[in-house]
Amino acid sequence: MAQGTADRLRAIVLTTLTTAVALVPLAYGIGGSAPFMAPIALALGWGLVFATPVTLVVVPCLYMVGVDLYRVIKGVPDREGTRPKEPEAG
């Protein structure tokens, strides 16, 4: 999963940046005014800027934590075949 995120990172970041930068004139009224389109452009641009890191970092991390918790709770071995350590009593 981490490898897949790393492979697509450049394309996703460049696409997000070009879209956000293209929305700046519309969002802030540069070169004309579109009073009904500016809020939509602001929401779309800032939504992309904040959703991209969440999609690329937070969601895969939460998924991997969930898989690790599942393995610990169920006692499923990992890829190397080692079982999770039992907590020490005492």
PDB file of N, CA and C in Angstrom:
ATOM      1  N   MET A   1       0.816  -1.177   0.000  1.00  0.00           N
ATOM      2  CA  MET A   1       0.000   0.000   0.000  1.00  0.00           C
ATOM      3  C   MET A   1       0.870   1.255   0.000  1.00  0.00           C
ATOM      4  N   ALA A   2       1.908   1.256   0.820  1.00  0.00           N
ATOM      5  CA  ALA A   2       2.801   2.416   0.864  1.00  0.00           C
ATOM      6  C   ALA A   2       3.483   2.604  -0.488  1.00  0.00           C
ATOM      7  N   GLN A   3       3.840   1.525  -1.148  1.00  0.00           N
ATOM      8  CA  GLN A   3       4.472   1.618  -2.462  1.00  0.00           C
ATOM      9  C   GLN A   3       3.508   2.200  -3.497  1.00  0.00           C
ATOM     10  N   GLY A   4       2.250   1.804  -3.442  1.00  0.00           N
ATOM     11  CA  GLY A   4       1.259   2.340  -4.374  1.00  0.00           C
ATOM     12  C   GLY A   4       1.051   3.833  -4.181  1.00  0.00           C
ATOM     13  N   THR A   5       1.051   4.266  -2.919  1.00  0.00           N
ATOM     14  CA  THR A   5       0.919   5.697  -2.640  1.00  0.00           C
ATOM     15  C   THR A   5       2.130   6.450  -3.167  1.00  0.00           C
ATOM     16  N   ALA A   6       3.304   5.896  -2.955  1.00  0.00           N
ATOM     17  CA  ALA A   6       4.526   6.560  -3.416  1.00  0.00           C
ATOM     18  C   ALA A   6       4.593   6.617  -4.945  1.00  0.00           C
ATOM     19  N   ASP A   7       4.119   5.574  -5.605  1.00  0.00           N
ATOM     20  CA  ASP A   7       4.153   5.549  -7.070  1.00  0.00           C
ATOM     21  C   ASP A   7       3.265   6.629  -7.685  1.00  0.00           C
ATOM     22  N   ARG A   8       2.133   6.893  -7.093  1.00  0.00           N
ATOM     23  CA  ARG A   8       1.169   7.840  -7.665  1.00  0.00           C
ATOM     24  C   ARG A   8       1.275   9.243  -7.090  1.00  0.00           C
ATOM     25  N   LEU A   9       2.181   9.454  -6.137  1.00  0.00           N
ATOM     26  CA  LEU A   9       2.264  10.731  -5.434  1.00  0.00           C
ATOM     27  C   LEU A   9       2.455  11.911  -6.376  1.00  0.00           C
ATOM     28  N   ARG A  10       3.417  11.832  -7.266  1.00  0.00           N
ATOM     29  CA  ARG A  10       3.726  12.964  -8.142  1.00  0.00           C
ATOM     30  C   ARG A  10       2.533  13.344  -9.020  1.00  0.00           C
ATOM     31  N   ALA A  11       1.900  12.371  -9.635  1.00  0.00           N
ATOM     32  CA  ALA A  11       0.768  12.649 -10.521  1.00  0.00           C
ATOM     33  C   ALA A  11      -0.399  13.260  -9.751  1.00  0.00           C
ATOM     34  N   ILE A  12      -0.680  12.738  -8.576  1.00  0.00           N
ATOM     35  CA  ILE A  12      -1.804  13.250  -7.794  1.00  0.00           C
ATOM     36  C   ILE A  12      -1.540  14.666  -7.309  1.00  0.00           C
ATOM     37  N   VAL A  13      -0.335  14.920  -6.818  1.00  0.00           N
ATOM     38  CA  VAL A  13      -0.006  16.262  -6.324  1.00  0.00           C
ATOM     39  C   VAL A  13      -0.020  17.275  -7.461  1.00  0.00           C
ATOM     40  N   LEU A  14       0.543  16.932  -8.606  1.00  0.00           N
ATOM     41  CA  LEU A  14       0.545  17.868  -9.739  1.00  0.00           C
ATOM     42  C   LEU A  14      -0.867  18.157 -10.240  1.00  0.00           C
ATOM     43  N   THR A  15      -1.697  17.157 -10.307  1.00  0.00           N
ATOM     44  CA  THR A  15      -3.081  17.361 -10.742  1.00  0.00           C
ATOM     45  C   THR A  15      -3.833  18.251  -9.757  1.00  0.00           C
ATOM     46  N   THR A  16      -3.637  18.010  -8.476  1.00  0.00           N
ATOM     47  CA  THR A  16      -4.297  18.822  -7.457  1.00  0.00           C
ATOM     48  C   THR A  16      -3.832  20.269  -7.518  1.00  0.00           C
ATOM     49  N   LEU A  17      -2.525  20.472  -7.635  1.00  0.00           N
ATOM     50  CA  LEU A  17      -1.999  21.842  -7.694  1.00  0.00           C
ATOM     51  C   LEU A  17      -2.476  22.590  -8.931  1.00  0.00           C
ATOM     52  N   THR A  18      -2.469  21.939 -10.084  1.00  0.00           N
ATOM     53  CA  THR A  18      -2.912  22.650 -11.289  1.00  0.00           C
ATOM     54  C   THR A  18      -4.393  23.009 -11.205  1.00  0.00           C
ATOM     55  N   THR A  19      -5.198  22.125 -10.643  1.00  0.00           N
ATOM     56  CA  THR A  19      -6.630  22.423 -10.501  1.00  0.00           C
ATOM     57  C   THR A  19      -6.847  23.555  -9.511  1.00  0.00           C
ATOM     58  N   ALA A  20      -6.156  23.520  -8.372  1.00  0.00           N
ATOM     59  CA  ALA A  20      -6.314  24.571  -7.359  1.00  0.00           C
ATOM     60  C   ALA A  20      -5.837  25.916  -7.889  1.00  0.00           C
ATOM     61  N   VAL A  21      -4.717  25.932  -8.595  1.00  0.00           N
ATOM     62  CA  VAL A  21      -4.196  27.187  -9.153  1.00  0.00           C
ATOM     63  C   VAL A  21      -5.122  27.711 -10.252  1.00  0.00           C
ATOM     64  N   ALA A  22      -5.708  26.835 -11.033  1.00  0.00           N
ATOM     65  CA  ALA A  22      -6.632  27.268 -12.084  1.00  0.00           C
ATOM     66  C   ALA A  22      -7.905  27.870 -11.506  1.00  0.00           C
ATOM     67  N   LEU A  23      -8.269  27.478 -10.287  1.00  0.00           N
ATOM     68  CA  LEU A  23      -9.478  28.017  -9.659  1.00  0.00           C
ATOM     69  C   LEU A  23      -9.255  29.352  -8.954  1.00  0.00           C
ATOM     70  N   VAL A  24      -8.009  29.749  -8.741  1.00  0.00           N
ATOM     71  CA  VAL A  24      -7.718  30.995  -8.010  1.00  0.00           C
ATOM     72  C   VAL A  24      -8.346  32.219  -8.674  1.00  0.00           C
ATOM     73  N   PRO A  25      -8.195  32.443  -9.981  1.00  0.00           N
ATOM     74  CA  PRO A  25      -8.815  33.638 -10.575  1.00  0.00           C
ATOM     75  C   PRO A  25     -10.333  33.674 -10.405  1.00  0.00           C
ATOM     76  N   LEU A  26     -10.975  32.551 -10.557  1.00  0.00           N
ATOM     77  CA  LEU A  26     -12.427  32.491 -10.414  1.00  0.00           C
ATOM     78  C   LEU A  26     -12.833  32.696  -8.955  1.00  0.00           C
ATOM     79  N   ALA A  27     -12.086  32.111  -8.039  1.00  0.00           N
ATOM     80  CA  ALA A  27     -12.437  32.183  -6.619  1.00  0.00           C
ATOM     81  C   ALA A  27     -12.270  33.590  -6.052  1.00  0.00           C
ATOM     82  N   TYR A  28     -11.239  34.288  -6.479  1.00  0.00           N
ATOM     83  CA  TYR A  28     -10.955  35.601  -5.898  1.00  0.00           C
ATOM     84  C   TYR A  28     -11.309  36.759  -6.818  1.00  0.00           C
ATOM     85  N   GLY A  29     -11.990  36.493  -7.911  1.00  0.00           N
ATOM     86  CA  GLY A  29     -12.499  37.550  -8.782  1.00  0.00           C
ATOM     87  C   GLY A  29     -11.435  38.273  -9.579  1.00  0.00           C
ATOM     88  N   ILE A  30     -10.334  37.638  -9.887  1.00  0.00           N
ATOM     89  CA  ILE A  30      -9.265  38.256 -10.673  1.00  0.00           C
ATOM     90  C   ILE A  30      -9.668  38.180 -12.149  1.00  0.00           C
ATOM     91  N   GLY A  31      -9.697  39.316 -12.808  1.00  0.00           N
ATOM     92  CA  GLY A  31     -10.020  39.342 -14.227  1.00  0.00           C
ATOM     93  C   GLY A  31     -11.501  39.338 -14.522  1.00  0.00           C
ATOM     94  N   GLY A  32     -12.316  39.610 -13.559  1.00  0.00           N
ATOM     95  CA  GLY A  32     -13.754  39.620 -13.759  1.00  0.00           C
ATOM     96  C   GLY A  32     -14.437  39.146 -12.493  1.00  0.00           C
ATOM     97  N   SER A  33     -15.743  39.224 -12.500  1.00  0.00           N
ATOM     98  CA  SER A  33     -16.438  38.779 -11.303  1.00  0.00           C
ATOM     99  C   SER A  33     -17.547  37.812 -11.688  1.00  0.00           C
ATOM    100  N   ALA A  34     -17.639  36.797 -10.929  1.00  0.00           N
ATOM    101  CA  ALA A  34     -18.705  35.821 -11.085  1.00  0.00           C
ATOM    102  C   ALA A  34     -19.211  35.538  -9.674  1.00  0.00           C
ATOM    103  N   PRO A  35     -20.167  36.352  -9.189  1.00  0.00           N
ATOM    104  CA  PRO A  35     -20.536  36.272  -7.773  1.00  0.00           C
ATOM    105  C   PRO A  35     -21.102  34.916  -7.348  1.00  0.00           C
ATOM    106  N   PHE A  36     -21.703  34.183  -8.259  1.00  0.00           N
ATOM    107  CA  PHE A  36     -22.267  32.891  -7.876  1.00  0.00           C
ATOM    108  C   PHE A  36     -21.260  31.751  -8.022  1.00  0.00           C
ATOM    109  N   MET A  37     -20.220  31.963  -8.800  1.00  0.00           N
ATOM    110  CA  MET A  37     -19.221  30.919  -9.010  1.00  0.00           C
ATOM    111  C   MET A  37     -18.076  30.981  -8.007  1.00  0.00           C
ATOM    112  N   ALA A  38     -17.828  32.156  -7.409  1.00  0.00           N
ATOM    113  CA  ALA A  38     -16.704  32.301  -6.488  1.00  0.00           C
ATOM    114  C   ALA A  38     -16.806  31.359  -5.280  1.00  0.00           C
ATOM    115  N   PRO A  39     -17.937  31.236  -4.601  1.00  0.00           N
ATOM    116  CA  PRO A  39     -17.993  30.297  -3.473  1.00  0.00           C
ATOM    117  C   PRO A  39     -17.777  28.842  -3.889  1.00  0.00           C
ATOM    118  N   ILE A  40     -18.265  28.496  -5.056  1.00  0.00           N
ATOM    119  CA  ILE A  40     -18.063  27.134  -5.541  1.00  0.00           C
ATOM    120  C   ILE A  40     -16.583  26.884  -5.818  1.00  0.00           C
ATOM    121  N   ALA A  41     -15.932  27.849  -6.441  1.00  0.00           N
ATOM    122  CA  ALA A  41     -14.508  27.713  -6.742  1.00  0.00           C
ATOM    123  C   ALA A  41     -13.680  27.658  -5.462  1.00  0.00           C
ATOM    124  N   LEU A  42     -14.040  28.469  -4.467  1.00  0.00           N
ATOM    125  CA  LEU A  42     -13.327  28.428  -3.184  1.00  0.00           C
ATOM    126  C   LEU A  42     -13.484  27.074  -2.512  1.00  0.00           C
ATOM    127  N   ALA A  43     -14.692  26.576  -2.474  1.00  0.00           N
ATOM    128  CA  ALA A  43     -14.929  25.280  -1.835  1.00  0.00           C
ATOM    129  C   ALA A  43     -14.197  24.163  -2.572  1.00  0.00           C
ATOM    130  N   LEU A  44     -14.224  24.182  -3.880  1.00  0.00           N
ATOM    131  CA  LEU A  44     -13.556  23.144  -4.665  1.00  0.00           C
ATOM    132  C   LEU A  44     -12.042  23.210  -4.493  1.00  0.00           C
ATOM    133  N   GLY A  45     -11.481  24.395  -4.598  1.00  0.00           N
ATOM    134  CA  GLY A  45     -10.023  24.554  -4.484  1.00  0.00           C
ATOM    135  C   GLY A  45      -9.496  24.164  -3.120  1.00  0.00           C
ATOM    136  N   TRP A  46     -10.088  24.716  -2.057  1.00  0.00           N
ATOM    137  CA  TRP A  46      -9.614  24.394  -0.705  1.00  0.00           C
ATOM    138  C   TRP A  46      -9.946  22.960  -0.328  1.00  0.00           C
ATOM    139  N   GLY A  47     -11.034  22.438  -0.837  1.00  0.00           N
ATOM    140  CA  GLY A  47     -11.351  21.034  -0.592  1.00  0.00           C
ATOM    141  C   GLY A  47     -10.303  20.109  -1.187  1.00  0.00           C
ATOM    142  N   LEU A  48      -9.864  20.415  -2.392  1.00  0.00           N
ATOM    143  CA  LEU A  48      -8.804  19.615  -3.016  1.00  0.00           C
ATOM    144  C   LEU A  48      -7.498  19.717  -2.246  1.00  0.00           C
ATOM    145  N   VAL A  49      -7.163  20.933  -1.818  1.00  0.00           N
ATOM    146  CA  VAL A  49      -5.898  21.147  -1.107  1.00  0.00           C
ATOM    147  C   VAL A  49      -5.867  20.363   0.205  1.00  0.00           C
ATOM    148  N   PHE A  50      -6.971  20.324   0.916  1.00  0.00           N
ATOM    149  CA  PHE A  50      -6.992  19.612   2.195  1.00  0.00           C
ATOM    150  C   PHE A  50      -7.286  18.123   2.046  1.00  0.00           C
ATOM    151  N   ALA A  51      -8.015  17.727   1.036  1.00  0.00           N
ATOM    152  CA  ALA A  51      -8.361  16.313   0.878  1.00  0.00           C
ATOM    153  C   ALA A  51      -7.211  15.487   0.318  1.00  0.00           C
ATOM    154  N   THR A  52      -6.321  16.101  -0.426  1.00  0.00           N
ATOM    155  CA  THR A  52      -5.216  15.351  -1.016  1.00  0.00           C
ATOM    156  C   THR A  52      -4.294  14.743   0.041  1.00  0.00           C
ATOM    157  N   PRO A  53      -3.810  15.515   1.028  1.00  0.00           N
ATOM    158  CA  PRO A  53      -2.978  14.882   2.059  1.00  0.00           C
ATOM    159  C   PRO A  53      -3.741  13.836   2.872  1.00  0.00           C
ATOM    160  N   VAL A  54      -5.016  14.093   3.103  1.00  0.00           N
ATOM    161  CA  VAL A  54      -5.814  13.114   3.849  1.00  0.00           C
ATOM    162  C   VAL A  54      -5.878  11.803   3.067  1.00  0.00           C
ATOM    163  N   THR A  55      -6.096  11.908   1.763  1.00  0.00           N
ATOM    164  CA  THR A  55      -6.201  10.719   0.928  1.00  0.00           C
ATOM    165  C   THR A  55      -4.870   9.989   0.810  1.00  0.00           C
ATOM    166  N   LEU A  56      -3.780  10.732   0.694  1.00  0.00           N
ATOM    167  CA  LEU A  56      -2.477  10.111   0.471  1.00  0.00           C
ATOM    168  C   LEU A  56      -1.779   9.649   1.744  1.00  0.00           C
ATOM    169  N   VAL A  57      -2.103  10.249   2.891  1.00  0.00           N
ATOM    170  CA  VAL A  57      -1.373   9.935   4.118  1.00  0.00           C
ATOM    171  C   VAL A  57      -2.278   9.316   5.181  1.00  0.00           C
ATOM    172  N   VAL A  58      -3.332  10.008   5.541  1.00  0.00           N
ATOM    173  CA  VAL A  58      -4.142   9.587   6.683  1.00  0.00           C
ATOM    174  C   VAL A  58      -4.897   8.285   6.412  1.00  0.00           C
ATOM    175  N   VAL A  59      -5.550   8.175   5.274  1.00  0.00           N
ATOM    176  CA  VAL A  59      -6.345   6.973   4.986  1.00  0.00           C
ATOM    177  C   VAL A  59      -5.465   5.721   4.912  1.00  0.00           C
ATOM    178  N   PRO A  60      -4.328   5.720   4.188  1.00  0.00           N
ATOM    179  CA  PRO A  60      -3.483   4.520   4.206  1.00  0.00           C
ATOM    180  C   PRO A  60      -2.932   4.191   5.597  1.00  0.00           C
ATOM    181  N   CYS A  61      -2.586   5.216   6.373  1.00  0.00           N
ATOM    182  CA  CYS A  61      -2.085   4.967   7.733  1.00  0.00           C
ATOM    183  C   CYS A  61      -3.168   4.334   8.599  1.00  0.00           C
ATOM    184  N   LEU A  62      -4.383   4.845   8.534  1.00  0.00           N
ATOM    185  CA  LEU A  62      -5.472   4.254   9.309  1.00  0.00           C
ATOM    186  C   LEU A  62      -5.757   2.822   8.865  1.00  0.00           C
ATOM    187  N   TYR A  63      -5.656   2.569   7.575  1.00  0.00           N
ATOM    188  CA  TYR A  63      -5.865   1.211   7.070  1.00  0.00           C
ATOM    189  C   TYR A  63      -4.799   0.262   7.621  1.00  0.00           C
ATOM    190  N   MET A  64      -3.531   0.692   7.585  1.00  0.00           N
ATOM    191  CA  MET A  64      -2.460  -0.167   8.085  1.00  0.00           C
ATOM    192  C   MET A  64      -2.571  -0.389   9.594  1.00  0.00           C
ATOM    193  N   VAL A  65      -2.991   0.623  10.335  1.00  0.00           N
ATOM    194  CA  VAL A  65      -3.208   0.455  11.775  1.00  0.00           C
ATOM    195  C   VAL A  65      -4.337  -0.546  12.008  1.00  0.00           C
ATOM    196  N   GLY A  66      -5.397  -0.449  11.221  1.00  0.00           N
ATOM    197  CA  GLY A  66      -6.508  -1.388  11.350  1.00  0.00           C
ATOM    198  C   GLY A  66      -6.088  -2.818  11.060  1.00  0.00           C
ATOM    199  N   VAL A  67      -5.260  -3.012  10.043  1.00  0.00           N
ATOM    200  CA  VAL A  67      -4.765  -4.353   9.715  1.00  0.00           C
ATOM    201  C   VAL A  67      -3.902  -4.886  10.855  1.00  0.00           C
ATOM    202  N   ASP A  68      -3.036  -4.029  11.401  1.00  0.00           N
ATOM    203  CA  ASP A  68      -2.194  -4.460  12.519  1.00  0.00           C
ATOM    204  C   ASP A  68      -3.029  -4.814  13.740  1.00  0.00           C
ATOM    205  N   LEU A  69      -4.043  -4.015  14.030  1.00  0.00           N
ATOM    206  CA  LEU A  69      -4.913  -4.329  15.169  1.00  0.00           C
ATOM    207  C   LEU A  69      -5.645  -5.649  14.950  1.00  0.00           C
ATOM    208  N   TYR A  70      -6.105  -5.883  13.749  1.00  0.00           N
ATOM    209  CA  TYR A  70      -6.772  -7.140  13.431  1.00  0.00           C
ATOM    210  C   TYR A  70      -5.828  -8.321  13.661  1.00  0.00           C
ATOM    211  N   ARG A  71      -4.591  -8.181  13.200  1.00  0.00           N
ATOM    212  CA  ARG A  71      -3.616  -9.262  13.365  1.00  0.00           C
ATOM    213  C   ARG A  71      -3.318  -9.526  14.837  1.00  0.00           C
ATOM    214  N   VAL A  72      -3.224  -8.464  15.622  1.00  0.00           N
ATOM    215  CA  VAL A  72      -2.947  -8.641  17.050  1.00  0.00           C
ATOM    216  C   VAL A  72      -4.128  -9.299  17.744  1.00  0.00           C
ATOM    217  N   ILE A  73      -5.331  -8.852  17.434  1.00  0.00           N
ATOM    218  CA  ILE A  73      -6.517  -9.390  18.102  1.00  0.00           C
ATOM    219  C   ILE A  73      -6.759 -10.846  17.693  1.00  0.00           C
ATOM    220  N   LYS A  74      -6.640 -11.151  16.414  1.00  0.00           N
ATOM    221  CA  LYS A  74      -6.922 -12.500  15.915  1.00  0.00           C
ATOM    222  C   LYS A  74      -5.715 -13.426  15.987  1.00  0.00           C
ATOM    223  N   GLY A  75      -4.524 -12.882  16.206  1.00  0.00           N
ATOM    224  CA  GLY A  75      -3.322 -13.704  16.250  1.00  0.00           C
ATOM    225  C   GLY A  75      -2.880 -14.201  14.886  1.00  0.00           C
ATOM    226  N   VAL A  76      -3.196 -13.453  13.849  1.00  0.00           N
ATOM    227  CA  VAL A  76      -2.839 -13.836  12.481  1.00  0.00           C
ATOM    228  C   VAL A  76      -1.373 -13.481  12.241  1.00  0.00           C
ATOM    229  N   PRO A  77      -0.580 -14.403  11.661  1.00  0.00           N
ATOM    230  CA  PRO A  77       0.820 -14.075  11.393  1.00  0.00           C
ATOM    231  C   PRO A  77       0.942 -13.010  10.307  1.00  0.00           C
ATOM    232  N   ASP A  78       2.039 -12.246  10.371  1.00  0.00           N
ATOM    233  CA  ASP A  78       2.275 -11.241   9.334  1.00  0.00           C
ATOM    234  C   ASP A  78       2.949 -11.895   8.130  1.00  0.00           C
ATOM    235  N   ARG A  79       3.444 -11.107   7.205  1.00  0.00           N
ATOM    236  CA  ARG A  79       4.015 -11.649   5.968  1.00  0.00           C
ATOM    237  C   ARG A  79       5.245 -12.524   6.212  1.00  0.00           C
ATOM    238  N   GLU A  80       6.003 -12.210   7.255  1.00  0.00           N
ATOM    239  CA  GLU A  80       7.195 -12.993   7.556  1.00  0.00           C
ATOM    240  C   GLU A  80       6.858 -14.279   8.301  1.00  0.00           C
ATOM    241  N   GLY A  81       5.600 -14.446   8.668  1.00  0.00           N
ATOM    242  CA  GLY A  81       5.183 -15.646   9.354  1.00  0.00           C
ATOM    243  C   GLY A  81       5.330 -15.585  10.862  1.00  0.00           C
ATOM    244  N   THR A  82       5.651 -14.415  11.393  1.00  0.00           N
ATOM    245  CA  THR A  82       5.791 -14.286  12.842  1.00  0.00           C
ATOM    246  C   THR A  82       4.458 -13.862  13.435  1.00  0.00           C
ATOM    247  N   ARG A  83       4.146 -14.451  14.548  1.00  0.00           N
ATOM    248  CA  ARG A  83       2.907 -14.097  15.238  1.00  0.00           C
ATOM    249  C   ARG A  83       3.153 -12.888  16.127  1.00  0.00           C
ATOM    250  N   PRO A  84       2.112 -12.107  16.389  1.00  0.00           N
ATOM    251  CA  PRO A  84       2.275 -10.980  17.306  1.00  0.00           C
ATOM    252  C   PRO A  84       2.624 -11.483  18.707  1.00  0.00           C
ATOM    253  N   LYS A  85       3.427 -10.719  19.404  1.00  0.00           N
ATOM    254  CA  LYS A  85       3.827 -11.102  20.758  1.00  0.00           C
ATOM    255  C   LYS A  85       2.671 -10.950  21.716  1.00  0.00           C
ATOM    256  N   GLU A  86       2.587 -11.920  22.610  1.00  0.00           N
ATOM    257  CA  GLU A  86       1.559 -11.863  23.654  1.00  0.00           C
ATOM    258  C   GLU A  86       1.988 -10.844  24.702  1.00  0.00           C
ATOM    259  N   PRO A  87       1.040 -10.065  25.232  1.00  0.00           N
ATOM    260  CA  PRO A  87       1.417  -9.128  26.289  1.00  0.00           C
ATOM    261  C   PRO A  87       1.861  -9.906  27.534  1.00  0.00           C
ATOM    262  N   GLU A  88       2.898  -9.395  28.175  1.00  0.00           N
ATOM    263  CA  GLU A  88       3.426 -10.041  29.365  1.00  0.00           C
ATOM    264  C   GLU A  88       2.546  -9.754  30.558  1.00  0.00           C
ATOM    265  N   ALA A  89       2.233 -10.792  31.309  1.00  0.00           N
ATOM    266  CA  ALA A  89       1.436 -10.632  32.513  1.00  0.00           C
ATOM    267  C   ALA A  89       2.358 -10.228  33.649  1.00  0.00           C
ATOM    268  N   GLY A  90       1.894  -9.309  34.412  1.00  0.00           N
ATOM    269  CA  GLY A  90       2.732  -9.039  35.554  1.00  0.00           C
ATOM    270  C   GLY A  90       2.826  -7.647  35.870  1.00  0.00           C
TER     271      GLY A  90
END
